[in-house]
């Protein structure tokens, strides 16, 4: 890792030490550059947004999404590399489940992610299998531990996030807390529990988890603000694929207006060519 990349990675690690910060999610270099220009200290990727930009569905249960429809690891990490090389701020990668069940595969994925220039990445315990939606807890812990051992061997700054999807698959809060703490004990630097959207649940997670907590907002237009989340004790806030979905909402509305009415009012709120050129010249 060169000096500049190491400095960016260390800045990203430092963001997790105190306070609360917003880490928005991009899906390509253009969206990432716009987020960087808005002044965010770091940018994350969204696997959902990357999949949508390729005309593919996001990672889901296999019954709804055959494995061959899934964006493969090489394609996803290629996009991560493009974004990391196109920004001056650190980039954290959405690595889904590590692109394989075994701890060895997860370790390899994290090693490749480090080589791509990312300053961090999350590993989730969602399997895609309705019969067992989450990896068995011991295996899930071993997967995080394998990732940490690989990072330790390289000796470079990298924020490893242990994500548990317990709440997303209808599991209990106490299991989410237990798994999050197990992932932190196994070497994760930050816990991520998507599916918590109200102050009571988030407050319980903060109190129960022995380390920094990431929550995701924007999935349902939640009323909690960044200040509210800061007051609750959340360390990091992401927005998942919500920005990408909002962009595609605008695209779909424009397409329907053109196809159904032959009118062009959708263009009234567009960014000008000059504005976009100026944004993308930065760097």
C-alpha atoms as a PDB file:
ATOM      1  CA  UNK A   1       0.000   0.000   0.000  1.00  0.00           C
ATOM      2  CA  UNK A   2       1.470   3.364  -1.012  1.00  0.00           C
ATOM      3  CA  UNK A   3       1.739   6.315   1.359  1.00  0.00           C
ATOM      4  CA  UNK A   4      -1.337   8.142   0.051  1.00  0.00           C
ATOM      5  CA  UNK A   5      -3.568   5.069   0.253  1.00  0.00           C
ATOM      6  CA  UNK A   6      -2.297   4.264   3.733  1.00  0.00           C
ATOM      7  CA  UNK A   7      -3.022   7.823   4.873  1.00  0.00           C
ATOM      8  CA  UNK A   8      -6.576   7.632   3.502  1.00  0.00           C
ATOM      9  CA  UNK A   9      -7.144   4.282   5.177  1.00  0.00           C
ATOM     10  CA  UNK A  10      -5.872   5.637   8.494  1.00  0.00           C
ATOM     11  CA  UNK A  11      -8.171   8.673   8.205  1.00  0.00           C
ATOM     12  CA  UNK A  12     -11.070   6.308   7.688  1.00  0.00           C
ATOM     13  CA  UNK A  13     -10.126   4.233  10.728  1.00  0.00           C
ATOM     14  CA  UNK A  14      -9.875   7.416  12.808  1.00  0.00           C
ATOM     15  CA  UNK A  15     -13.453   8.387  11.915  1.00  0.00           C
ATOM     16  CA  UNK A  16     -14.655   5.357  13.886  1.00  0.00           C
ATOM     17  CA  UNK A  17     -12.967   6.316  17.132  1.00  0.00           C
ATOM     18  CA  UNK A  18     -15.411   8.960  18.374  1.00  0.00           C
ATOM     19  CA  UNK A  19     -18.481  10.941  17.407  1.00  0.00           C
ATOM     20  CA  UNK A  20     -20.923  10.066  14.644  1.00  0.00           C
ATOM     21  CA  UNK A  21     -20.457  10.435  10.901  1.00  0.00           C
ATOM     22  CA  UNK A  22     -22.494   9.875   7.763  1.00  0.00           C
ATOM     23  CA  UNK A  23     -21.037   7.509   5.171  1.00  0.00           C
ATOM     24  CA  UNK A  24     -23.148   7.741   1.971  1.00  0.00           C
ATOM     25  CA  UNK A  25     -23.204   4.924  -0.562  1.00  0.00           C
ATOM     26  CA  UNK A  26     -22.216   5.246  -4.237  1.00  0.00           C
ATOM     27  CA  UNK A  27     -22.401   2.774  -7.089  1.00  0.00           C
ATOM     28  CA  UNK A  28     -20.017   4.182  -9.699  1.00  0.00           C
ATOM     29  CA  UNK A  29     -17.301   6.808  -9.999  1.00  0.00           C
ATOM     30  CA  UNK A  30     -19.735   9.547 -11.029  1.00  0.00           C
ATOM     31  CA  UNK A  31     -22.039   9.084  -8.041  1.00  0.00           C
ATOM     32  CA  UNK A  32     -19.018   8.778  -5.739  1.00  0.00           C
ATOM     33  CA  UNK A  33     -17.466  11.990  -7.082  1.00  0.00           C
ATOM     34  CA  UNK A  34     -20.703  13.887  -6.437  1.00  0.00           C
ATOM     35  CA  UNK A  35     -20.791  12.623  -2.847  1.00  0.00           C
ATOM     36  CA  UNK A  36     -17.144  13.561  -2.388  1.00  0.00           C
ATOM     37  CA  UNK A  37     -17.839  17.055  -3.778  1.00  0.00           C
ATOM     38  CA  UNK A  38     -20.637  17.464  -1.211  1.00  0.00           C
ATOM     39  CA  UNK A  39     -17.973  17.274   1.480  1.00  0.00           C
ATOM     40  CA  UNK A  40     -18.334  13.803   2.952  1.00  0.00           C
ATOM     41  CA  UNK A  41     -15.103  12.561   4.572  1.00  0.00           C
ATOM     42  CA  UNK A  42     -15.502   9.067   3.084  1.00  0.00           C
ATOM     43  CA  UNK A  43     -17.766   7.145   0.712  1.00  0.00           C
ATOM     44  CA  UNK A  44     -19.045   3.563   0.809  1.00  0.00           C
ATOM     45  CA  UNK A  45     -20.181   1.410  -2.073  1.00  0.00           C
ATOM     46  CA  UNK A  46     -23.608  -0.188  -2.313  1.00  0.00           C
ATOM     47  CA  UNK A  47     -23.823  -3.665  -3.779  1.00  0.00           C
ATOM     48  CA  UNK A  48     -27.472  -2.978  -4.618  1.00  0.00           C
ATOM     49  CA  UNK A  49     -26.594   0.160  -6.564  1.00  0.00           C
ATOM     50  CA  UNK A  50     -23.789  -1.601  -8.429  1.00  0.00           C
ATOM     51  CA  UNK A  51     -26.137  -4.451  -9.335  1.00  0.00           C
ATOM     52  CA  UNK A  52     -28.836  -2.055 -10.549  1.00  0.00           C
ATOM     53  CA  UNK A  53     -26.311  -0.131 -12.664  1.00  0.00           C
ATOM     54  CA  UNK A  54     -25.503  -3.428 -14.399  1.00  0.00           C
ATOM     55  CA  UNK A  55     -29.163  -4.247 -14.943  1.00  0.00           C
ATOM     56  CA  UNK A  56     -29.031  -7.007 -12.329  1.00  0.00           C
ATOM     57  CA  UNK A  57     -31.088  -7.621  -9.166  1.00  0.00           C
ATOM     58  CA  UNK A  58     -29.492  -7.140  -5.773  1.00  0.00           C
ATOM     59  CA  UNK A  59     -28.388 -10.158  -3.735  1.00  0.00           C
ATOM     60  CA  UNK A  60     -31.555 -11.832  -2.454  1.00  0.00           C
ATOM     61  CA  UNK A  61     -32.864 -15.232  -1.508  1.00  0.00           C
ATOM     62  CA  UNK A  62     -31.837 -17.784  -4.126  1.00  0.00           C
ATOM     63  CA  UNK A  63     -35.480 -18.664  -4.798  1.00  0.00           C
ATOM     64  CA  UNK A  64     -35.995 -15.111  -6.066  1.00  0.00           C
ATOM     65  CA  UNK A  65     -32.531 -14.697  -7.550  1.00  0.00           C
ATOM     66  CA  UNK A  66     -30.676 -17.653  -9.068  1.00  0.00           C
ATOM     67  CA  UNK A  67     -26.943 -17.628  -8.297  1.00  0.00           C
ATOM     68  CA  UNK A  68     -26.107 -16.913 -11.939  1.00  0.00           C
ATOM     69  CA  UNK A  69     -27.951 -13.580 -11.669  1.00  0.00           C
ATOM     70  CA  UNK A  70     -25.701 -12.401  -8.854  1.00  0.00           C
ATOM     71  CA  UNK A  71     -22.922  -9.909  -9.546  1.00  0.00           C
ATOM     72  CA  UNK A  72     -19.708 -11.888  -9.134  1.00  0.00           C
ATOM     73  CA  UNK A  73     -16.795 -10.928  -6.933  1.00  0.00           C
ATOM     74  CA  UNK A  74     -14.461  -9.863  -9.734  1.00  0.00           C
ATOM     75  CA  UNK A  75     -17.052  -7.515 -11.193  1.00  0.00           C
ATOM     76  CA  UNK A  76     -17.928  -6.017  -7.815  1.00  0.00           C
ATOM     77  CA  UNK A  77     -14.317  -5.500  -6.789  1.00  0.00           C
ATOM     78  CA  UNK A  78     -13.560  -4.027 -10.191  1.00  0.00           C
ATOM     79  CA  UNK A  79     -16.156  -1.360  -9.467  1.00  0.00           C
ATOM     80  CA  UNK A  80     -14.713  -0.835  -5.971  1.00  0.00           C
ATOM     81  CA  UNK A  81     -11.281  -0.299  -7.501  1.00  0.00           C
ATOM     82  CA  UNK A  82     -12.623   2.227 -10.023  1.00  0.00           C
ATOM     83  CA  UNK A  83     -14.299   4.211  -7.257  1.00  0.00           C
ATOM     84  CA  UNK A  84     -11.291   4.071  -4.924  1.00  0.00           C
ATOM     85  CA  UNK A  85      -8.954   5.234  -7.685  1.00  0.00           C
ATOM     86  CA  UNK A  86     -11.334   8.029  -8.662  1.00  0.00           C
ATOM     87  CA  UNK A  87     -11.611   9.685  -5.230  1.00  0.00           C
ATOM     88  CA  UNK A  88      -9.412  11.594  -2.809  1.00  0.00           C
ATOM     89  CA  UNK A  89     -11.424  10.373   0.207  1.00  0.00           C
ATOM     90  CA  UNK A  90     -11.408   6.823   1.628  1.00  0.00           C
ATOM     91  CA  UNK A  91     -13.778   4.197   0.232  1.00  0.00           C
ATOM     92  CA  UNK A  92     -15.420   1.353   2.140  1.00  0.00           C
ATOM     93  CA  UNK A  93     -16.635  -1.669   0.186  1.00  0.00           C
ATOM     94  CA  UNK A  94     -19.926  -3.525   0.493  1.00  0.00           C
ATOM     95  CA  UNK A  95     -18.681  -7.118   0.278  1.00  0.00           C
ATOM     96  CA  UNK A  96     -22.037  -8.825   0.889  1.00  0.00           C
ATOM     97  CA  UNK A  97     -21.324 -12.263   2.418  1.00  0.00           C
ATOM     98  CA  UNK A  98     -17.696 -12.315   1.259  1.00  0.00           C
ATOM     99  CA  UNK A  99     -18.635 -14.168  -1.956  1.00  0.00           C
ATOM    100  CA  UNK A 100     -18.472 -17.608  -0.453  1.00  0.00           C
ATOM    101  CA  UNK A 101     -19.282 -19.597   2.654  1.00  0.00           C
ATOM    102  CA  UNK A 102     -15.869 -20.725   3.826  1.00  0.00           C
ATOM    103  CA  UNK A 103     -13.652 -18.575   6.035  1.00  0.00           C
ATOM    104  CA  UNK A 104     -10.874 -19.101   3.477  1.00  0.00           C
ATOM    105  CA  UNK A 105     -12.985 -17.528   0.719  1.00  0.00           C
ATOM    106  CA  UNK A 106     -13.894 -14.591   2.942  1.00  0.00           C
ATOM    107  CA  UNK A 107     -10.214 -14.062   3.766  1.00  0.00           C
ATOM    108  CA  UNK A 108      -9.358 -14.079   0.067  1.00  0.00           C
ATOM    109  CA  UNK A 109     -12.126 -11.568  -0.649  1.00  0.00           C
ATOM    110  CA  UNK A 110     -10.832  -9.207   2.032  1.00  0.00           C
ATOM    111  CA  UNK A 111      -7.289  -9.531   0.701  1.00  0.00           C
ATOM    112  CA  UNK A 112      -8.482  -8.659  -2.815  1.00  0.00           C
ATOM    113  CA  UNK A 113     -10.482  -5.750  -1.398  1.00  0.00           C
ATOM    114  CA  UNK A 114      -7.405  -4.378   0.322  1.00  0.00           C
ATOM    115  CA  UNK A 115      -5.537  -4.649  -2.982  1.00  0.00           C
ATOM    116  CA  UNK A 116      -8.337  -2.745  -4.732  1.00  0.00           C
ATOM    117  CA  UNK A 117      -7.578   0.344  -2.665  1.00  0.00           C
ATOM    118  CA  UNK A 118     -10.525   0.198  -0.278  1.00  0.00           C
ATOM    119  CA  UNK A 119     -10.051   1.438   3.280  1.00  0.00           C
ATOM    120  CA  UNK A 120     -12.687  -0.848   4.760  1.00  0.00           C
ATOM    121  CA  UNK A 121     -15.363  -3.396   4.030  1.00  0.00           C
ATOM    122  CA  UNK A 122     -18.275  -5.242   5.586  1.00  0.00           C
ATOM    123  CA  UNK A 123     -18.943  -8.971   5.775  1.00  0.00           C
ATOM    124  CA  UNK A 124     -22.539 -10.054   6.393  1.00  0.00           C
ATOM    125  CA  UNK A 125     -24.009 -13.270   7.721  1.00  0.00           C
ATOM    126  CA  UNK A 126     -26.924 -13.490   5.246  1.00  0.00           C
ATOM    127  CA  UNK A 127     -26.790 -16.713   3.220  1.00  0.00           C
ATOM    128  CA  UNK A 128     -29.486 -16.266   0.565  1.00  0.00           C
ATOM    129  CA  UNK A 129     -30.990 -19.608   1.595  1.00  0.00           C
ATOM    130  CA  UNK A 130     -34.511 -19.446   3.055  1.00  0.00           C
ATOM    131  CA  UNK A 131     -33.935 -22.735   4.897  1.00  0.00           C
ATOM    132  CA  UNK A 132     -31.063 -21.112   6.819  1.00  0.00           C
ATOM    133  CA  UNK A 133     -31.070 -17.375   6.125  1.00  0.00           C
ATOM    134  CA  UNK A 134     -28.063 -16.711   8.365  1.00  0.00           C
ATOM    135  CA  UNK A 135     -24.771 -18.549   8.609  1.00  0.00           C
ATOM    136  CA  UNK A 136     -24.574 -20.621  11.771  1.00  0.00           C
ATOM    137  CA  UNK A 137     -23.113 -18.360  14.415  1.00  0.00           C
ATOM    138  CA  UNK A 138     -19.845 -20.199  14.960  1.00  0.00           C
ATOM    139  CA  UNK A 139     -19.172 -20.257  11.220  1.00  0.00           C
ATOM    140  CA  UNK A 140     -20.098 -16.589  10.933  1.00  0.00           C
ATOM    141  CA  UNK A 141     -17.601 -15.765  13.681  1.00  0.00           C
ATOM    142  CA  UNK A 142     -14.909 -17.875  12.023  1.00  0.00           C
ATOM    143  CA  UNK A 143     -15.484 -15.960   8.788  1.00  0.00           C
ATOM    144  CA  UNK A 144     -14.894 -12.619  10.519  1.00  0.00           C
ATOM    145  CA  UNK A 145     -11.865 -14.011  12.342  1.00  0.00           C
ATOM    146  CA  UNK A 146     -10.345 -15.237   9.079  1.00  0.00           C
ATOM    147  CA  UNK A 147     -10.795 -11.794   7.565  1.00  0.00           C
ATOM    148  CA  UNK A 148      -9.110 -10.152  10.556  1.00  0.00           C
ATOM    149  CA  UNK A 149      -6.186 -12.569  10.491  1.00  0.00           C
ATOM    150  CA  UNK A 150      -5.580 -11.758   6.836  1.00  0.00           C
ATOM    151  CA  UNK A 151      -5.662  -8.026   7.526  1.00  0.00           C
ATOM    152  CA  UNK A 152      -3.344  -8.394  10.498  1.00  0.00           C
ATOM    153  CA  UNK A 153      -0.859 -10.284   8.329  1.00  0.00           C
ATOM    154  CA  UNK A 154      -0.798  -7.367   5.882  1.00  0.00           C
ATOM    155  CA  UNK A 155      -0.458  -4.801   8.653  1.00  0.00           C
ATOM    156  CA  UNK A 156      -2.367  -2.080   6.795  1.00  0.00           C
ATOM    157  CA  UNK A 157      -5.208   0.090   8.147  1.00  0.00           C
ATOM    158  CA  UNK A 158      -8.586  -1.346   7.157  1.00  0.00           C
ATOM    159  CA  UNK A 159     -11.931  -1.017   8.931  1.00  0.00           C
ATOM    160  CA  UNK A 160     -13.529  -4.463   9.054  1.00  0.00           C
ATOM    161  CA  UNK A 161     -17.271  -4.350   9.679  1.00  0.00           C
ATOM    162  CA  UNK A 162     -19.209  -7.347  10.947  1.00  0.00           C
ATOM    163  CA  UNK A 163     -22.785  -7.164   9.697  1.00  0.00           C
ATOM    164  CA  UNK A 164     -25.626  -9.272  11.016  1.00  0.00           C
ATOM    165  CA  UNK A 165     -28.937  -9.458   9.171  1.00  0.00           C
ATOM    166  CA  UNK A 166     -30.846 -10.943  12.105  1.00  0.00           C
ATOM    167  CA  UNK A 167     -33.463  -8.179  12.125  1.00  0.00           C
ATOM    168  CA  UNK A 168     -33.892  -8.245   8.353  1.00  0.00           C
ATOM    169  CA  UNK A 169     -34.860 -11.925   8.444  1.00  0.00           C
ATOM    170  CA  UNK A 170     -37.232 -11.490  11.390  1.00  0.00           C
ATOM    171  CA  UNK A 171     -34.930 -12.610  14.185  1.00  0.00           C
ATOM    172  CA  UNK A 172     -34.908 -11.271  17.756  1.00  0.00           C
ATOM    173  CA  UNK A 173     -32.992  -8.259  18.986  1.00  0.00           C
ATOM    174  CA  UNK A 174     -31.026 -10.226  21.561  1.00  0.00           C
ATOM    175  CA  UNK A 175     -29.610 -12.464  18.816  1.00  0.00           C
ATOM    176  CA  UNK A 176     -28.582  -9.399  16.805  1.00  0.00           C
ATOM    177  CA  UNK A 177     -26.745  -8.025  19.839  1.00  0.00           C
ATOM    178  CA  UNK A 178     -25.093 -11.372  20.569  1.00  0.00           C
ATOM    179  CA  UNK A 179     -23.913 -11.863  17.002  1.00  0.00           C
ATOM    180  CA  UNK A 180     -22.671  -8.282  16.729  1.00  0.00           C
ATOM    181  CA  UNK A 181     -20.608  -8.676  19.886  1.00  0.00           C
ATOM    182  CA  UNK A 182     -19.265 -12.018  18.682  1.00  0.00           C
ATOM    183  CA  UNK A 183     -18.098 -10.411  15.439  1.00  0.00           C
ATOM    184  CA  UNK A 184     -16.422  -7.591  17.354  1.00  0.00           C
ATOM    185  CA  UNK A 185     -14.659 -10.125  19.578  1.00  0.00           C
ATOM    186  CA  UNK A 186     -13.512 -11.974  16.449  1.00  0.00           C
ATOM    187  CA  UNK A 187     -11.820  -8.855  15.105  1.00  0.00           C
ATOM    188  CA  UNK A 188     -14.422  -6.603  13.509  1.00  0.00           C
ATOM    189  CA  UNK A 189     -13.836  -2.899  14.149  1.00  0.00           C
ATOM    190  CA  UNK A 190     -17.484  -1.933  13.826  1.00  0.00           C
ATOM    191  CA  UNK A 191     -20.820  -3.753  14.052  1.00  0.00           C
ATOM    192  CA  UNK A 192     -23.576  -3.218  11.485  1.00  0.00           C
ATOM    193  CA  UNK A 193     -27.187  -4.169  12.202  1.00  0.00           C
ATOM    194  CA  UNK A 194     -29.504  -3.231   9.316  1.00  0.00           C
ATOM    195  CA  UNK A 195     -33.227  -3.292   9.989  1.00  0.00           C
ATOM    196  CA  UNK A 196     -33.146  -1.067  13.072  1.00  0.00           C
ATOM    197  CA  UNK A 197     -35.061   2.119  12.229  1.00  0.00           C
ATOM    198  CA  UNK A 198     -36.667   3.414  15.447  1.00  0.00           C
ATOM    199  CA  UNK A 199     -35.074   5.112  18.428  1.00  0.00           C
ATOM    200  CA  UNK A 200     -36.018   2.381  20.899  1.00  0.00           C
ATOM    201  CA  UNK A 201     -34.412  -0.425  18.879  1.00  0.00           C
ATOM    202  CA  UNK A 202     -31.334   1.587  17.968  1.00  0.00           C
ATOM    203  CA  UNK A 203     -30.884   2.693  21.573  1.00  0.00           C
ATOM    204  CA  UNK A 204     -31.048  -0.922  22.728  1.00  0.00           C
ATOM    205  CA  UNK A 205     -28.416  -1.896  20.165  1.00  0.00           C
ATOM    206  CA  UNK A 206     -26.088   0.892  21.266  1.00  0.00           C
ATOM    207  CA  UNK A 207     -26.431  -0.146  24.888  1.00  0.00           C
ATOM    208  CA  UNK A 208     -25.967  -3.839  24.176  1.00  0.00           C
ATOM    209  CA  UNK A 209     -23.142  -3.767  21.647  1.00  0.00           C
ATOM    210  CA  UNK A 210     -19.592  -3.404  22.955  1.00  0.00           C
ATOM    211  CA  UNK A 211     -18.201  -1.333  20.112  1.00  0.00           C
ATOM    212  CA  UNK A 212     -19.040   1.155  17.365  1.00  0.00           C
ATOM    213  CA  UNK A 213     -22.430   0.644  15.707  1.00  0.00           C
ATOM    214  CA  UNK A 214     -23.385   1.328  12.079  1.00  0.00           C
ATOM    215  CA  UNK A 215     -27.060   1.723  11.199  1.00  0.00           C
ATOM    216  CA  UNK A 216     -28.583   2.235   7.769  1.00  0.00           C
ATOM    217  CA  UNK A 217     -31.138   4.956   7.105  1.00  0.00           C
ATOM    218  CA  UNK A 218     -33.174   5.863   4.049  1.00  0.00           C
ATOM    219  CA  UNK A 219     -34.700   2.441   3.506  1.00  0.00           C
ATOM    220  CA  UNK A 220     -38.193   3.636   4.427  1.00  0.00           C
ATOM    221  CA  UNK A 221     -37.703   7.396   4.682  1.00  0.00           C
ATOM    222  CA  UNK A 222     -37.121   7.133   8.421  1.00  0.00           C
ATOM    223  CA  UNK A 223     -37.840  10.265  10.446  1.00  0.00           C
ATOM    224  CA  UNK A 224     -34.701  10.044  12.596  1.00  0.00           C
ATOM    225  CA  UNK A 225     -32.057  12.624  11.718  1.00  0.00           C
ATOM    226  CA  UNK A 226     -28.296  12.376  11.971  1.00  0.00           C
ATOM    227  CA  UNK A 227     -28.476  14.486  15.134  1.00  0.00           C
ATOM    228  CA  UNK A 228     -31.012  12.034  16.601  1.00  0.00           C
ATOM    229  CA  UNK A 229     -28.729   9.111  15.810  1.00  0.00           C
ATOM    230  CA  UNK A 230     -25.739  10.909  17.280  1.00  0.00           C
ATOM    231  CA  UNK A 231     -27.678  11.503  20.491  1.00  0.00           C
ATOM    232  CA  UNK A 232     -28.540   7.795  20.613  1.00  0.00           C
ATOM    233  CA  UNK A 233     -24.839   6.910  20.460  1.00  0.00           C
ATOM    234  CA  UNK A 234     -24.589   5.605  16.892  1.00  0.00           C
ATOM    235  CA  UNK A 235     -21.060   5.887  15.496  1.00  0.00           C
ATOM    236  CA  UNK A 236     -21.643   5.495  11.737  1.00  0.00           C
ATOM    237  CA  UNK A 237     -24.662   5.970   9.455  1.00  0.00           C
ATOM    238  CA  UNK A 238     -24.951   4.598   5.929  1.00  0.00           C
ATOM    239  CA  UNK A 239     -27.815   4.883   3.437  1.00  0.00           C
ATOM    240  CA  UNK A 240     -27.449   1.615   1.515  1.00  0.00           C
ATOM    241  CA  UNK A 241     -28.958   1.637  -1.952  1.00  0.00           C
ATOM    242  CA  UNK A 242     -31.458   4.400  -1.153  1.00  0.00           C
ATOM    243  CA  UNK A 243     -29.720   7.116  -3.209  1.00  0.00           C
ATOM    244  CA  UNK A 244     -29.462   4.760  -6.172  1.00  0.00           C
ATOM    245  CA  UNK A 245     -33.118   3.801  -5.837  1.00  0.00           C
ATOM    246  CA  UNK A 246     -34.102   7.473  -5.700  1.00  0.00           C
ATOM    247  CA  UNK A 247     -32.112   8.080  -8.890  1.00  0.00           C
ATOM    248  CA  UNK A 248     -33.802   5.167 -10.627  1.00  0.00           C
ATOM    249  CA  UNK A 249     -37.189   6.461  -9.444  1.00  0.00           C
ATOM    250  CA  UNK A 250     -36.432   9.663 -11.367  1.00  0.00           C
ATOM    251  CA  UNK A 251     -35.355   7.679 -14.414  1.00  0.00           C
ATOM    252  CA  UNK A 252     -38.496   5.549 -14.368  1.00  0.00           C
ATOM    253  CA  UNK A 253     -40.720   8.624 -13.968  1.00  0.00           C
ATOM    254  CA  UNK A 254     -38.984  10.290 -16.921  1.00  0.00           C
ATOM    255  CA  UNK A 255     -39.346   7.175 -19.058  1.00  0.00           C
ATOM    256  CA  UNK A 256     -43.045   6.896 -18.252  1.00  0.00           C
ATOM    257  CA  UNK A 257     -43.642  10.569 -19.041  1.00  0.00           C
ATOM    258  CA  UNK A 258     -41.905  10.221 -22.405  1.00  0.00           C
ATOM    259  CA  UNK A 259     -43.627   6.963 -23.295  1.00  0.00           C
ATOM    260  CA  UNK A 260     -47.121   7.791 -22.026  1.00  0.00           C
ATOM    261  CA  UNK A 261     -47.408  11.528 -22.652  1.00  0.00           C
ATOM    262  CA  UNK A 262     -44.638  12.577 -25.011  1.00  0.00           C
ATOM    263  CA  UNK A 263     -43.838  15.540 -22.744  1.00  0.00           C
ATOM    264  CA  UNK A 264     -40.549  16.674 -21.261  1.00  0.00           C
ATOM    265  CA  UNK A 265     -41.267  18.235 -17.871  1.00  0.00           C
ATOM    266  CA  UNK A 266     -38.919  15.728 -16.237  1.00  0.00           C
ATOM    267  CA  UNK A 267     -36.020  17.829 -17.572  1.00  0.00           C
ATOM    268  CA  UNK A 268     -36.947  20.917 -15.542  1.00  0.00           C
ATOM    269  CA  UNK A 269     -34.903  19.849 -12.527  1.00  0.00           C
ATOM    270  CA  UNK A 270     -31.863  18.468 -14.304  1.00  0.00           C
ATOM    271  CA  UNK A 271     -28.309  19.476 -13.532  1.00  0.00           C
ATOM    272  CA  UNK A 272     -26.795  21.502 -16.320  1.00  0.00           C
ATOM    273  CA  UNK A 273     -23.972  20.216 -18.499  1.00  0.00           C
ATOM    274  CA  UNK A 274     -21.737  22.913 -17.010  1.00  0.00           C
ATOM    275  CA  UNK A 275     -22.550  21.908 -13.420  1.00  0.00           C
ATOM    276  CA  UNK A 276     -21.765  18.264 -14.080  1.00  0.00           C
ATOM    277  CA  UNK A 277     -18.617  19.065 -16.018  1.00  0.00           C
ATOM    278  CA  UNK A 278     -17.422  21.249 -13.163  1.00  0.00           C
ATOM    279  CA  UNK A 279     -18.174  18.512 -10.619  1.00  0.00           C
ATOM    280  CA  UNK A 280     -16.342  15.867 -12.573  1.00  0.00           C
ATOM    281  CA  UNK A 281     -13.330  18.076 -13.334  1.00  0.00           C
ATOM    282  CA  UNK A 282     -12.463  18.110  -9.630  1.00  0.00           C
ATOM    283  CA  UNK A 283      -9.573  15.802  -8.932  1.00  0.00           C
END
